[in-house]
């Protein structure tokens, strides 16, 4: 994947990419912890730089729900959205209702060529719903 994106293959980039694939919607600290299992001396900066580079090249997607830290996922290139639990912060993917980008039509595009719509659904996950009703 790195070579196909014309990126140099480095141990931190490989480890970060593997961590994001293994831990969907992980925050930076979680990615760092996962990378340090394989590369114990990797710096915060190397992980931040790798996440930035991977995001810039479309290998990783950065999402930032309101009130949350940035999170990363490997599911890129499709038109999906997210469900976020207001109680515990769990994030789940949800496919676009229409299936093609953009899946929403703006009432007024102001002359923009719209190629993507970002939707975040907010609610309470099943585990939190059960615990709140107990």
C-alpha atoms as a PDB file:
ATOM      1  CA  UNK A   1       0.000   0.000   0.000  1.00  0.00           C
ATOM      2  CA  UNK A   2       2.802   2.392   0.855  1.00  0.00           C
ATOM      3  CA  UNK A   3       4.709   1.719  -2.349  1.00  0.00           C
ATOM      4  CA  UNK A   4       1.538   1.985  -4.421  1.00  0.00           C
ATOM      5  CA  UNK A   5       1.078   5.463  -2.949  1.00  0.00           C
ATOM      6  CA  UNK A   6       4.715   6.277  -3.772  1.00  0.00           C
ATOM      7  CA  UNK A   7       5.615   6.490  -0.091  1.00  0.00           C
ATOM      8  CA  UNK A   8       8.845   5.285   1.401  1.00  0.00           C
ATOM      9  CA  UNK A   9       8.326   2.124   3.428  1.00  0.00           C
ATOM     10  CA  UNK A  10       9.456   2.736   7.002  1.00  0.00           C
ATOM     11  CA  UNK A  11       8.932   0.632  10.102  1.00  0.00           C
ATOM     12  CA  UNK A  12       6.848   3.327  11.842  1.00  0.00           C
ATOM     13  CA  UNK A  13       4.578   3.759   8.805  1.00  0.00           C
ATOM     14  CA  UNK A  14       4.061   0.021   8.473  1.00  0.00           C
ATOM     15  CA  UNK A  15       3.344  -0.313  12.194  1.00  0.00           C
ATOM     16  CA  UNK A  16       0.952   2.662  12.235  1.00  0.00           C
ATOM     17  CA  UNK A  17      -0.908   1.382   9.186  1.00  0.00           C
ATOM     18  CA  UNK A  18      -1.215  -2.070  10.780  1.00  0.00           C
ATOM     19  CA  UNK A  19      -2.474  -0.528  14.048  1.00  0.00           C
ATOM     20  CA  UNK A  20      -5.137   1.529  12.289  1.00  0.00           C
ATOM     21  CA  UNK A  21      -6.290  -1.570  10.386  1.00  0.00           C
ATOM     22  CA  UNK A  22      -6.453  -3.572  13.613  1.00  0.00           C
ATOM     23  CA  UNK A  23      -8.092  -0.837  15.703  1.00  0.00           C
ATOM     24  CA  UNK A  24     -10.782   1.012  13.744  1.00  0.00           C
ATOM     25  CA  UNK A  25     -11.578   4.492  15.100  1.00  0.00           C
ATOM     26  CA  UNK A  26      -8.533   4.491  17.382  1.00  0.00           C
ATOM     27  CA  UNK A  27      -7.240   7.760  18.740  1.00  0.00           C
ATOM     28  CA  UNK A  28      -3.585   8.758  18.478  1.00  0.00           C
ATOM     29  CA  UNK A  29      -2.665   7.460  21.934  1.00  0.00           C
ATOM     30  CA  UNK A  30      -4.206   4.062  21.186  1.00  0.00           C
ATOM     31  CA  UNK A  31      -2.313   3.880  17.891  1.00  0.00           C
ATOM     32  CA  UNK A  32       0.892   4.846  19.706  1.00  0.00           C
ATOM     33  CA  UNK A  33       0.380   2.100  22.320  1.00  0.00           C
ATOM     34  CA  UNK A  34      -0.226  -0.492  19.595  1.00  0.00           C
ATOM     35  CA  UNK A  35       2.828   0.619  17.609  1.00  0.00           C
ATOM     36  CA  UNK A  36       5.014   0.490  20.716  1.00  0.00           C
ATOM     37  CA  UNK A  37       4.252  -3.214  21.119  1.00  0.00           C
ATOM     38  CA  UNK A  38       6.205  -3.745  17.901  1.00  0.00           C
ATOM     39  CA  UNK A  39       8.519  -0.721  18.082  1.00  0.00           C
ATOM     40  CA  UNK A  40       9.050   0.102  21.786  1.00  0.00           C
ATOM     41  CA  UNK A  41      11.204   3.173  21.180  1.00  0.00           C
ATOM     42  CA  UNK A  42       9.052   4.862  18.525  1.00  0.00           C
ATOM     43  CA  UNK A  43       8.435   8.516  19.333  1.00  0.00           C
ATOM     44  CA  UNK A  44       5.113  10.297  19.544  1.00  0.00           C
ATOM     45  CA  UNK A  45       6.306  12.497  16.697  1.00  0.00           C
ATOM     46  CA  UNK A  46       7.008   9.533  14.414  1.00  0.00           C
ATOM     47  CA  UNK A  47       3.474   8.251  14.988  1.00  0.00           C
ATOM     48  CA  UNK A  48       1.951  11.722  14.441  1.00  0.00           C
ATOM     49  CA  UNK A  49       4.002  12.189  11.278  1.00  0.00           C
ATOM     50  CA  UNK A  50       3.029   8.748   9.992  1.00  0.00           C
ATOM     51  CA  UNK A  51      -0.669   9.367  10.667  1.00  0.00           C
ATOM     52  CA  UNK A  52      -0.444  12.721   8.886  1.00  0.00           C
ATOM     53  CA  UNK A  53       1.325  11.235   5.870  1.00  0.00           C
ATOM     54  CA  UNK A  54      -0.989   8.223   5.641  1.00  0.00           C
ATOM     55  CA  UNK A  55      -4.018  10.507   5.873  1.00  0.00           C
ATOM     56  CA  UNK A  56      -2.656  12.905   3.259  1.00  0.00           C
ATOM     57  CA  UNK A  57      -2.158   9.990   0.852  1.00  0.00           C
ATOM     58  CA  UNK A  58      -5.613   8.509   1.454  1.00  0.00           C
ATOM     59  CA  UNK A  59      -4.424   5.330   3.174  1.00  0.00           C
ATOM     60  CA  UNK A  60      -6.032   6.370   6.462  1.00  0.00           C
ATOM     61  CA  UNK A  61      -9.060   8.530   7.178  1.00  0.00           C
ATOM     62  CA  UNK A  62      -9.147  11.012  10.069  1.00  0.00           C
ATOM     63  CA  UNK A  63     -12.480  11.695  11.725  1.00  0.00           C
ATOM     64  CA  UNK A  64     -13.187  14.073  14.571  1.00  0.00           C
ATOM     65  CA  UNK A  65     -16.659  13.857  16.058  1.00  0.00           C
ATOM     66  CA  UNK A  66     -17.660  16.936  18.036  1.00  0.00           C
ATOM     67  CA  UNK A  67     -16.224  16.844  21.539  1.00  0.00           C
ATOM     68  CA  UNK A  68     -13.847  13.997  20.707  1.00  0.00           C
ATOM     69  CA  UNK A  69     -10.178  13.706  19.863  1.00  0.00           C
ATOM     70  CA  UNK A  70      -9.199  12.825  16.311  1.00  0.00           C
ATOM     71  CA  UNK A  71      -9.636   9.186  15.423  1.00  0.00           C
ATOM     72  CA  UNK A  72      -8.303   7.157  12.528  1.00  0.00           C
ATOM     73  CA  UNK A  73      -9.670   4.388  10.383  1.00  0.00           C
ATOM     74  CA  UNK A  74      -8.458   2.357   7.444  1.00  0.00           C
ATOM     75  CA  UNK A  75     -11.820   2.337   5.685  1.00  0.00           C
ATOM     76  CA  UNK A  76     -11.227   4.919   2.982  1.00  0.00           C
ATOM     77  CA  UNK A  77     -12.434   5.583  -0.529  1.00  0.00           C
ATOM     78  CA  UNK A  78     -16.070   4.781   0.130  1.00  0.00           C
ATOM     79  CA  UNK A  79     -18.962   6.909   1.232  1.00  0.00           C
ATOM     80  CA  UNK A  80     -19.682   5.821   4.787  1.00  0.00           C
ATOM     81  CA  UNK A  81     -20.664   7.705   7.896  1.00  0.00           C
ATOM     82  CA  UNK A  82     -20.479   7.116  11.643  1.00  0.00           C
ATOM     83  CA  UNK A  83     -22.653   6.392  14.654  1.00  0.00           C
ATOM     84  CA  UNK A  84     -21.349   7.826  17.937  1.00  0.00           C
ATOM     85  CA  UNK A  85     -22.605   6.891  21.394  1.00  0.00           C
ATOM     86  CA  UNK A  86     -23.220   9.993  23.503  1.00  0.00           C
ATOM     87  CA  UNK A  87     -22.529   8.025  26.659  1.00  0.00           C
ATOM     88  CA  UNK A  88     -19.378   5.955  26.084  1.00  0.00           C
ATOM     89  CA  UNK A  89     -18.053   7.409  22.813  1.00  0.00           C
ATOM     90  CA  UNK A  90     -18.154   4.140  20.879  1.00  0.00           C
ATOM     91  CA  UNK A  91     -18.012   4.741  17.131  1.00  0.00           C
ATOM     92  CA  UNK A  92     -19.457   2.432  14.477  1.00  0.00           C
ATOM     93  CA  UNK A  93     -19.491   2.664  10.695  1.00  0.00           C
ATOM     94  CA  UNK A  94     -22.768   3.033   8.834  1.00  0.00           C
ATOM     95  CA  UNK A  95     -23.058   2.855   5.069  1.00  0.00           C
ATOM     96  CA  UNK A  96     -24.540   5.764   3.176  1.00  0.00           C
ATOM     97  CA  UNK A  97     -28.276   5.432   2.598  1.00  0.00           C
ATOM     98  CA  UNK A  98     -27.849   6.274  -1.081  1.00  0.00           C
ATOM     99  CA  UNK A  99     -24.516   4.564  -1.662  1.00  0.00           C
ATOM    100  CA  UNK A 100     -22.913   7.151  -3.912  1.00  0.00           C
ATOM    101  CA  UNK A 101     -21.038  10.285  -2.936  1.00  0.00           C
ATOM    102  CA  UNK A 102     -22.355  12.722  -2.051  1.00  0.00           C
ATOM    103  CA  UNK A 103     -25.327  10.981  -0.495  1.00  0.00           C
ATOM    104  CA  UNK A 104     -26.979  14.258   0.485  1.00  0.00           C
ATOM    105  CA  UNK A 105     -27.970  17.136  -1.746  1.00  0.00           C
ATOM    106  CA  UNK A 106     -27.329  20.594  -0.354  1.00  0.00           C
ATOM    107  CA  UNK A 107     -30.258  23.000  -0.521  1.00  0.00           C
ATOM    108  CA  UNK A 108     -27.875  25.589  -1.995  1.00  0.00           C
ATOM    109  CA  UNK A 109     -24.442  24.561  -3.263  1.00  0.00           C
ATOM    110  CA  UNK A 110     -23.248  28.195  -3.571  1.00  0.00           C
ATOM    111  CA  UNK A 111     -21.458  27.208  -6.778  1.00  0.00           C
ATOM    112  CA  UNK A 112     -19.394  24.470  -5.131  1.00  0.00           C
ATOM    113  CA  UNK A 113     -18.850  21.130  -6.822  1.00  0.00           C
ATOM    114  CA  UNK A 114     -19.773  18.892  -3.896  1.00  0.00           C
ATOM    115  CA  UNK A 115     -18.019  15.517  -3.841  1.00  0.00           C
ATOM    116  CA  UNK A 116     -18.614  14.354  -0.276  1.00  0.00           C
ATOM    117  CA  UNK A 117     -21.114  14.685   2.568  1.00  0.00           C
ATOM    118  CA  UNK A 118     -20.077  13.905   6.126  1.00  0.00           C
ATOM    119  CA  UNK A 119     -22.779  12.682   8.459  1.00  0.00           C
ATOM    120  CA  UNK A 120     -22.457  11.724  12.113  1.00  0.00           C
ATOM    121  CA  UNK A 121     -25.391  10.054  13.803  1.00  0.00           C
ATOM    122  CA  UNK A 122     -25.530  10.548  17.581  1.00  0.00           C
ATOM    123  CA  UNK A 123     -27.339   8.304  20.025  1.00  0.00           C
ATOM    124  CA  UNK A 124     -26.826   5.675  22.689  1.00  0.00           C
ATOM    125  CA  UNK A 125     -25.204   2.326  21.928  1.00  0.00           C
ATOM    126  CA  UNK A 126     -26.938  -0.935  22.977  1.00  0.00           C
ATOM    127  CA  UNK A 127     -24.631  -1.511  25.983  1.00  0.00           C
ATOM    128  CA  UNK A 128     -25.212   1.996  27.358  1.00  0.00           C
ATOM    129  CA  UNK A 129     -28.957   1.762  26.685  1.00  0.00           C
ATOM    130  CA  UNK A 130     -29.155  -1.402  28.802  1.00  0.00           C
ATOM    131  CA  UNK A 131     -27.068   0.052  31.643  1.00  0.00           C
ATOM    132  CA  UNK A 132     -29.091   3.294  31.675  1.00  0.00           C
ATOM    133  CA  UNK A 133     -32.384   1.409  31.945  1.00  0.00           C
ATOM    134  CA  UNK A 134     -31.143  -0.722  34.858  1.00  0.00           C
END
